[in-house]
């Protein structure tokens, strides 16, 4: 099986470790285990010995009960039997697509988005159609274009809400229209929701599984909950979809890490506290980014509504990879080239790092712009 190089991950592999000012990172500023225990109110002297006394077995094969209960609390109608844990959302997306897509199925995916959603089904021999999100539409899907793409062979519509890299947020009424289109075609809707909950405005963001029986939600502990080091994600869906995924999961993993799921369960037990911390951080940092963009005459963007990322457009005559390589090598600032998302004249910024790093990175970026 041949598959295209995963552009964004290869970019990170090449440059992330050497960054001085990492404003390409997409997770909210990570927390330590000490911070997690402090935030949760656990007595460290009592909690840690309990964990250290655990025998390192495979644990619960489909996911630890406390972790799965915590995941269910993020949705309106999911129960533990609707949840299957995975090695990150990257494992969840791969598992879902591997389980439901067959050669010659039509798969419709938004673009730009995380490359898994279109390159994996393409590698299976699917008929992949790309629904391009445009800045003039605030990076929201054109539903008339979507309707034109759907045919009798459409198996799944892949969306990403909130969107990476643009930070757009599909409003509920539009999400319901997408469901109606999918329902008429008897198609699944796979929604990568790893940034769900990180909104600039208060209020509950509907999941695809809240409103569609053939909806499939993918989530993780990495972005919203600042715990990428646990490498945990999940699939939330109807029981028949979970059963299909479980059959395929048996071939590539037995279970997730027992200790990882213990800490993830503790985090989700205190999800409200983590979300309060992280929403405060992304809102504060977006204000910093917005002020910077407004003073830079050669830069523009569509202000994100949710998530941790934005696309910064520039009017210089330079390819996005060269723009970002020069910035990294000469100023130690990491952005992600638009070319990683099949775009040009732009770069993705991740603005949910520490406020200090964001401010310093933007200052260095301003210095770089003066040389162009």
Protein backbone atom coordinates (compact mmCIF):
# COMPACT_ATOMS: atom_id res chain seq x y z
CA UNK A 1 0.00 0.00 0.00
CA UNK A 2 1.35 3.40 -0.99
CA UNK A 3 0.50 6.56 0.91
CA UNK A 4 1.55 10.17 0.44
CA UNK A 5 4.08 11.68 2.86
CA UNK A 6 2.37 13.25 5.87
CA UNK A 7 3.54 16.80 5.23
CA UNK A 8 2.74 18.50 8.53
CA UNK A 9 4.18 15.69 10.65
CA UNK A 10 7.35 15.50 8.55
CA UNK A 11 7.77 19.26 8.94
CA UNK A 12 7.45 18.96 12.72
CA UNK A 13 9.85 16.01 12.79
CA UNK A 14 12.42 18.07 10.94
CA UNK A 15 12.27 21.34 12.86
CA UNK A 16 10.29 21.19 16.11
CA UNK A 17 13.09 19.98 18.40
CA UNK A 18 15.34 22.88 17.41
CA UNK A 19 12.78 25.67 17.78
CA UNK A 20 13.55 28.43 20.28
CA UNK A 21 10.12 30.02 19.88
CA UNK A 22 7.68 27.22 19.12
CA UNK A 23 4.57 28.95 17.86
CA UNK A 24 3.82 26.05 15.55
CA UNK A 25 2.69 23.75 18.39
CA UNK A 26 -1.07 23.08 18.31
CA UNK A 27 -1.73 21.84 21.87
CA UNK A 28 -2.68 24.17 24.67
CA UNK A 29 0.42 24.73 26.83
CA UNK A 30 1.03 21.34 28.41
CA UNK A 31 0.74 20.56 32.10
CA UNK A 32 2.86 18.33 34.32
CA UNK A 33 1.61 15.47 36.47
CA UNK A 34 2.25 17.65 39.51
CA UNK A 35 0.02 20.35 38.02
CA UNK A 36 -2.67 17.80 37.18
CA UNK A 37 -2.68 16.48 40.73
CA UNK A 38 -2.76 20.00 42.17
CA UNK A 39 -5.58 21.06 39.87
CA UNK A 40 -7.59 17.95 40.73
CA UNK A 41 -7.19 18.49 44.46
CA UNK A 42 -5.74 15.02 44.99
CA UNK A 43 -3.50 14.39 47.97
CA UNK A 44 -0.22 13.53 46.23
CA UNK A 45 1.11 11.58 49.21
CA UNK A 46 -1.92 9.29 49.02
CA UNK A 47 -2.48 9.19 45.27
CA UNK A 48 1.03 8.42 44.00
CA UNK A 49 1.60 5.29 46.17
CA UNK A 50 -1.72 3.89 44.84
CA UNK A 51 -0.51 4.36 41.28
CA UNK A 52 2.96 2.98 42.05
CA UNK A 53 1.33 -0.13 43.49
CA UNK A 54 -0.52 -0.95 40.26
CA UNK A 55 0.52 -4.11 38.45
CA UNK A 56 1.40 -3.22 34.87
CA UNK A 57 -1.07 -5.43 33.05
CA UNK A 58 -2.83 -4.67 29.76
CA UNK A 59 -5.61 -3.09 31.80
CA UNK A 60 -9.12 -2.75 30.38
CA UNK A 61 -8.96 -3.71 26.71
CA UNK A 62 -11.60 -1.29 25.39
CA UNK A 63 -10.61 1.49 27.81
CA UNK A 64 -10.56 2.08 31.57
CA UNK A 65 -14.09 2.63 32.97
CA UNK A 66 -13.26 5.96 34.66
CA UNK A 67 -11.65 7.26 31.47
CA UNK A 68 -14.62 6.19 29.33
CA UNK A 69 -17.09 7.74 31.77
CA UNK A 70 -15.11 10.96 31.56
CA UNK A 71 -15.26 10.87 27.77
CA UNK A 72 -19.03 10.32 27.90
CA UNK A 73 -19.39 13.49 29.99
CA UNK A 74 -18.16 15.49 26.98
CA UNK A 75 -21.21 14.46 24.92
CA UNK A 76 -24.98 14.62 25.32
CA UNK A 77 -25.92 11.00 24.70
CA UNK A 78 -22.82 8.79 24.61
CA UNK A 79 -22.52 5.83 26.99
CA UNK A 80 -19.40 3.73 27.73
CA UNK A 81 -20.38 1.19 25.07
CA UNK A 82 -20.21 4.01 22.52
CA UNK A 83 -16.54 4.71 23.30
CA UNK A 84 -13.35 2.99 22.12
CA UNK A 85 -9.98 4.32 23.27
CA UNK A 86 -7.01 4.65 20.92
CA UNK A 87 -3.41 5.81 20.71
CA UNK A 88 -4.21 9.47 20.21
CA UNK A 89 -6.73 10.97 17.81
CA UNK A 90 -4.28 10.04 15.07
CA UNK A 91 -4.94 6.41 15.95
CA UNK A 92 -8.69 7.03 16.10
CA UNK A 93 -8.89 8.63 12.64
CA UNK A 94 -6.83 5.85 11.10
CA UNK A 95 -8.91 3.17 12.82
CA UNK A 96 -12.24 4.61 11.68
CA UNK A 97 -11.18 5.08 8.06
CA UNK A 98 -9.53 1.65 7.99
CA UNK A 99 -12.74 0.10 9.35
CA UNK A 100 -15.41 1.68 7.14
CA UNK A 101 -13.81 2.71 3.82
CA UNK A 102 -13.42 0.27 0.93
CA UNK A 103 -11.93 0.69 -2.56
CA UNK A 104 -14.06 2.84 -4.87
CA UNK A 105 -16.13 4.28 -2.01
CA UNK A 106 -16.52 8.02 -2.36
CA UNK A 107 -14.97 9.95 0.53
CA UNK A 108 -15.48 13.70 0.74
CA UNK A 109 -13.08 15.66 2.92
CA UNK A 110 -12.71 19.33 3.68
CA UNK A 111 -9.40 20.97 2.77
CA UNK A 112 -7.39 22.35 4.54
CA UNK A 113 -7.51 19.87 7.38
CA UNK A 114 -5.40 17.18 9.02
CA UNK A 115 -4.01 15.16 6.11
CA UNK A 116 -5.14 11.81 7.52
CA UNK A 117 -8.73 12.57 6.54
CA UNK A 118 -8.00 12.47 2.83
CA UNK A 119 -4.66 10.69 2.34
CA UNK A 120 -5.62 7.55 4.26
CA UNK A 121 -8.81 6.81 2.28
CA UNK A 122 -6.96 7.66 -0.92
CA UNK A 123 -4.37 5.00 -0.04
CA UNK A 124 -7.20 2.44 0.27
CA UNK A 125 -8.29 3.17 -3.29
CA UNK A 126 -11.25 5.36 -2.34
CA UNK A 127 -12.58 8.06 -4.66
CA UNK A 128 -11.54 11.10 -2.60
CA UNK A 129 -13.16 14.46 -3.35
CA UNK A 130 -11.86 17.62 -1.66
CA UNK A 131 -14.25 20.31 -0.46
CA UNK A 132 -12.09 23.42 -0.36
CA UNK A 133 -12.58 25.88 2.50
CA UNK A 134 -11.94 29.46 1.47
CA UNK A 135 -10.98 32.55 3.49
CA UNK A 136 -13.73 34.56 1.77
CA UNK A 137 -16.23 32.09 3.30
CA UNK A 138 -14.51 32.27 6.71
CA UNK A 139 -13.22 28.74 6.03
CA UNK A 140 -16.73 27.28 6.31
CA UNK A 141 -17.88 24.63 3.83
CA UNK A 142 -19.96 25.59 0.81
CA UNK A 143 -22.93 23.27 1.21
CA UNK A 144 -23.99 23.58 -2.43
CA UNK A 145 -20.56 22.30 -3.45
CA UNK A 146 -20.93 19.49 -0.92
CA UNK A 147 -24.30 18.50 -2.37
CA UNK A 148 -22.79 18.38 -5.85
CA UNK A 149 -20.01 16.07 -4.66
CA UNK A 150 -22.29 13.52 -3.00
CA UNK A 151 -23.30 10.51 -5.10
CA UNK A 152 -24.71 7.02 -4.55
CA UNK A 153 -21.23 5.69 -3.65
CA UNK A 154 -20.56 8.25 -0.92
CA UNK A 155 -19.48 6.37 2.21
CA UNK A 156 -18.23 9.14 4.49
CA UNK A 157 -18.00 12.91 4.70
CA UNK A 158 -14.95 14.01 6.70
CA UNK A 159 -15.02 17.34 8.52
CA UNK A 160 -12.85 18.92 11.19
CA UNK A 161 -14.64 21.09 13.73
CA UNK A 162 -13.10 23.36 15.00
CA UNK A 163 -10.91 23.39 11.93
CA UNK A 164 -7.16 22.88 11.92
CA UNK A 165 -5.46 25.02 10.58
CA UNK A 166 -7.94 27.91 10.14
CA UNK A 167 -9.69 27.96 13.53
CA UNK A 168 -13.14 28.15 11.93
CA UNK A 169 -16.12 26.76 13.84
CA UNK A 170 -19.09 25.28 11.99
CA UNK A 171 -22.28 26.70 13.54
CA UNK A 172 -24.93 24.25 14.70
CA UNK A 173 -27.42 25.06 11.93
CA UNK A 174 -24.77 24.37 9.27
CA UNK A 175 -23.73 21.17 11.06
CA UNK A 176 -27.35 20.00 10.89
CA UNK A 177 -27.46 20.76 7.16
CA UNK A 178 -24.34 18.63 6.67
CA UNK A 179 -26.10 15.84 8.57
CA UNK A 180 -29.14 16.16 6.31
CA UNK A 181 -26.93 15.87 3.21
CA UNK A 182 -25.20 12.79 4.66
CA UNK A 183 -28.48 11.23 5.77
CA UNK A 184 -29.93 11.51 2.25
CA UNK A 185 -26.89 9.60 0.97
CA UNK A 186 -26.89 7.12 3.88
CA UNK A 187 -23.31 8.24 4.56
CA UNK A 188 -21.29 8.54 7.72
CA UNK A 189 -19.96 11.88 8.95
CA UNK A 190 -16.53 11.55 10.52
CA UNK A 191 -15.79 14.68 12.52
CA UNK A 192 -12.30 15.24 13.91
CA UNK A 193 -13.19 17.17 17.07
CA UNK A 194 -9.84 17.34 18.82
CA UNK A 195 -10.23 21.11 19.44
CA UNK A 196 -13.89 20.94 20.48
CA UNK A 197 -14.61 23.05 23.57
CA UNK A 198 -11.84 25.61 22.98
CA UNK A 199 -14.18 28.37 21.85
CA UNK A 200 -13.75 32.12 22.00
CA UNK A 201 -17.36 32.47 23.22
CA UNK A 202 -19.05 30.61 26.05
CA UNK A 203 -21.53 27.85 25.31
CA UNK A 204 -21.65 24.14 24.53
CA UNK A 205 -20.42 23.15 21.07
CA UNK A 206 -22.49 20.35 19.59
CA UNK A 207 -20.68 17.18 18.60
CA UNK A 208 -21.61 15.34 15.44
CA UNK A 209 -22.72 12.40 17.61
CA UNK A 210 -25.15 14.64 19.48
CA UNK A 211 -27.18 15.12 16.31
CA UNK A 212 -26.54 12.18 13.93
CA UNK A 213 -26.80 8.42 14.47
CA UNK A 214 -24.18 7.80 11.76
CA UNK A 215 -21.93 10.51 13.14
CA UNK A 216 -18.46 9.54 14.35
CA UNK A 217 -16.56 11.81 16.73
CA UNK A 218 -12.81 11.61 17.22
CA UNK A 219 -11.28 13.31 20.26
CA UNK A 220 -8.08 13.29 22.28
CA UNK A 221 -6.38 14.34 25.48
CA UNK A 222 -3.71 16.29 23.58
CA UNK A 223 -5.12 19.62 22.40
CA UNK A 224 -7.98 20.62 24.68
CA UNK A 225 -6.65 18.95 27.83
CA UNK A 226 -2.91 19.72 27.47
CA UNK A 227 -1.85 16.09 27.94
CA UNK A 228 -0.33 15.09 24.59
CA UNK A 229 2.27 12.98 26.41
CA UNK A 230 -0.42 10.48 27.39
CA UNK A 231 -0.95 9.65 23.68
CA UNK A 232 -4.64 8.94 24.20
CA UNK A 233 -7.62 9.50 21.96
CA UNK A 234 -10.99 7.90 21.30
CA UNK A 235 -13.77 7.10 18.88
CA UNK A 236 -17.31 8.02 19.98
CA UNK A 237 -20.06 6.52 17.82
CA UNK A 238 -23.00 4.13 17.68
CA UNK A 239 -22.41 0.60 18.97
CA UNK A 240 -22.34 -0.93 15.48
CA UNK A 241 -19.56 1.44 14.38
CA UNK A 242 -17.63 0.75 17.58
CA UNK A 243 -17.97 -2.99 16.90
CA UNK A 244 -16.52 -2.55 13.39
CA UNK A 245 -13.64 -0.51 14.77
CA UNK A 246 -13.00 -3.04 17.54
CA UNK A 247 -12.60 -5.85 14.97
CA UNK A 248 -9.87 -3.92 13.18
CA UNK A 249 -8.31 -2.59 16.40
CA UNK A 250 -7.55 -6.18 17.48
CA UNK A 251 -4.97 -6.31 14.69
CA UNK A 252 -2.94 -3.21 15.58
CA UNK A 253 -3.26 -2.72 19.34
CA UNK A 254 -4.46 -4.67 22.36
CA UNK A 255 -5.14 -1.79 24.70
CA UNK A 256 -3.95 1.67 25.55
CA UNK A 257 -1.44 2.21 28.35
CA UNK A 258 -2.93 1.46 31.75
CA UNK A 259 -1.14 4.32 33.51
CA UNK A 260 -2.01 6.73 30.70
CA UNK A 261 -5.69 5.94 31.13
CA UNK A 262 -5.51 6.39 34.90
CA UNK A 263 -4.19 9.92 34.51
CA UNK A 264 -6.60 10.68 31.66
CA UNK A 265 -9.50 9.54 33.82
CA UNK A 266 -8.35 11.87 36.58
CA UNK A 267 -8.06 14.74 34.09
CA UNK A 268 -11.57 14.23 32.71
CA UNK A 269 -12.96 13.96 36.22
CA UNK A 270 -11.74 17.55 36.46
CA UNK A 271 -12.47 18.53 32.86
CA UNK A 272 -14.26 21.72 33.91
CA UNK A 273 -11.14 22.98 35.69
CA UNK A 274 -8.84 22.12 32.79
CA UNK A 275 -11.20 23.74 30.29
CA UNK A 276 -11.41 26.89 32.39
CA UNK A 277 -7.60 27.11 32.42
CA UNK A 278 -7.24 26.42 28.72
CA UNK A 279 -10.09 28.58 27.44
CA UNK A 280 -8.64 31.46 29.41
CA UNK A 281 -5.24 30.85 27.80
CA UNK A 282 -6.48 30.65 24.19
CA UNK A 283 -8.64 33.75 24.62
CA UNK A 284 -5.83 35.75 26.17
CA UNK A 285 -3.35 34.63 23.52
CA UNK A 286 -5.69 35.24 20.60
CA UNK A 287 -6.01 38.84 21.79
CA UNK A 288 -2.19 39.08 21.65
CA UNK A 289 -2.13 37.59 18.14
CA UNK A 290 -4.97 39.79 16.92
CA UNK A 291 -3.19 42.93 18.07
CA UNK A 292 -0.01 41.80 16.31
CA UNK A 293 -1.77 41.01 13.01
CA UNK A 294 -3.51 44.37 13.00
CA UNK A 295 -0.21 46.26 13.24
CA UNK A 296 1.63 44.23 10.58
CA UNK A 297 0.75 45.74 7.21
CA UNK A 298 1.93 42.73 5.19
CA UNK A 299 0.00 40.13 7.23
CA UNK A 300 -3.69 39.24 7.43
CA UNK A 301 -5.91 36.47 8.71
CA UNK A 302 -9.45 35.30 9.27
CA UNK A 303 -9.76 35.60 13.02
CA UNK A 304 -10.28 32.13 14.52
CA UNK A 305 -13.52 31.34 16.33
CA UNK A 306 -12.20 28.28 18.17
CA UNK A 307 -9.27 25.93 18.57
CA UNK A 308 -5.60 26.87 18.87
CA UNK A 309 -4.51 27.65 15.31
CA UNK A 310 -4.83 30.30 12.61
CA UNK A 311 -3.60 30.81 9.07
CA UNK A 312 -1.41 33.91 8.70
CA UNK A 313 -1.45 35.20 5.11
CA UNK A 314 1.40 37.36 3.79
CA UNK A 315 1.81 39.40 0.59
CA UNK A 316 5.50 38.66 -0.02
CA UNK A 317 6.57 36.81 -3.16
CA UNK A 318 8.06 33.80 -1.41
CA UNK A 319 6.86 30.16 -1.16
CA UNK A 320 5.53 29.20 2.25
CA UNK A 321 8.17 26.54 2.90
CA UNK A 322 11.02 28.95 2.15
CA UNK A 323 9.28 31.60 4.28
CA UNK A 324 9.14 29.22 7.25
CA UNK A 325 12.58 27.63 6.77
CA UNK A 326 14.27 31.05 6.68
CA UNK A 327 12.32 32.16 9.75
CA UNK A 328 13.31 29.03 11.65
CA UNK A 329 16.98 28.99 10.68
CA UNK A 330 17.62 32.70 11.22
CA UNK A 331 15.31 33.52 14.12
CA UNK A 332 14.48 30.19 15.79
CA UNK A 333 10.75 30.72 15.26
CA UNK A 334 8.64 27.73 14.26
CA UNK A 335 5.55 28.17 12.09
CA UNK A 336 4.09 25.55 9.73
CA UNK A 337 4.13 26.24 5.97
CA UNK A 338 0.81 26.56 4.21
CA UNK A 339 2.13 24.01 1.71
CA UNK A 340 1.61 21.34 4.39
CA UNK A 341 -2.11 22.01 3.87
CA UNK A 342 -1.98 22.42 0.06
CA UNK A 343 -1.99 26.23 0.46
CA UNK A 344 0.46 29.01 -0.38
CA UNK A 345 1.23 32.58 0.74
CA UNK A 346 0.38 31.60 4.33
CA UNK A 347 1.65 29.77 7.40
CA UNK A 348 -0.10 28.16 10.35
CA UNK A 349 0.49 29.55 13.80
CA UNK A 350 -0.33 27.75 17.04
CA UNK A 351 -1.13 30.48 19.55
CA UNK A 352 -1.91 28.35 22.64
CA UNK A 353 1.68 28.13 23.88
CA UNK A 354 2.71 30.15 26.91
CA UNK A 355 1.87 33.83 26.46
CA UNK A 356 5.53 34.73 26.96
CA UNK A 357 6.69 32.44 24.12
CA UNK A 358 3.94 33.75 21.85
CA UNK A 359 4.90 37.37 22.47
CA UNK A 360 8.61 36.67 21.98
CA UNK A 361 7.98 34.60 18.86
CA UNK A 362 5.80 37.31 17.30
CA UNK A 363 8.45 39.92 18.08
CA UNK A 364 11.05 37.81 16.25
CA UNK A 365 8.62 37.25 13.40
CA UNK A 366 8.25 41.02 13.06
CA UNK A 367 12.03 41.33 12.83
CA UNK A 368 12.06 38.73 10.06
CA UNK A 369 9.30 40.50 8.10
CA UNK A 370 11.39 43.67 8.00
CA UNK A 371 14.05 41.80 6.01
CA UNK A 372 11.66 40.72 3.25
